[in-house]
Amino acid sequence: MRDTDREVTTLMLVAAGSEIAGPADLNGKRIALGDLTSSELRLIPTHQLRQDGFDLATECEIVDLEAAVRPGWAGRGDFTNTIAALDDGIIDAGTVFEPQYRALVERGRIDPAAYRVVWNSRPYSHCGFAARPGLPEDAARRFVELLASMDYSNPDIKEMMDLEHLCAWVPADDSGWQDLISGIKDANLVGALF
């Protein structure tokens, strides 16, 4: 997995002038989550908030941003549409992937003074390579060795790593995945095909 996919978080943003201060204030509010299978924008936040006693599905109005698309929104993705929906007053709060939010703030593409964070998830692992059952152990081990041997200081490799937003490939382990597994079960997505 990428080194940048360990210990990541999801944020719940509101407009800076919002009266919402935390999850308890989301009751009855219009919330944008990612699509039904989005680990970082829907499954993990929904699961973690439910664990903490707040059920987004029953206590909020979940706004489908795909159905609310406005001119200029098409093809921009969940994150950009969430920011646009906050700006346009279509939603009261929305989930964003913290690493993506941070990168856009650092590049000057988002003014952090325009938004406030009212909830931050507990850390989780985001992406990792998986293999089919029965993959020979030596092939899996060799694949991991090849990735882990990539040296960020090598200019030929650095460009690819920069495009993939990582500095090193690291061995994946079982930590950091429990909230996603539980979120998939909560959403009755085990075995679902899309």
Foldseek 3Di string as FASTA:
>chain_A
DFPVQFFWKKFKKFFLPDPQQALVVQFAWEEEFFPPQQLHGPLLVQLQVVVVPHHCVPRYHYDDLVVVDDPPRPPPHDQVSQVVCNVVVVGGIGMDTVVVVVVCVVVVNDDPSGMDTNDMGGTAGDDDDDDDPPDDPVVVVVVLVVQQPDACVPVVRVVVCVVVVHHGDDDDDDPRCVSSVVSCVVSVNVVPDD
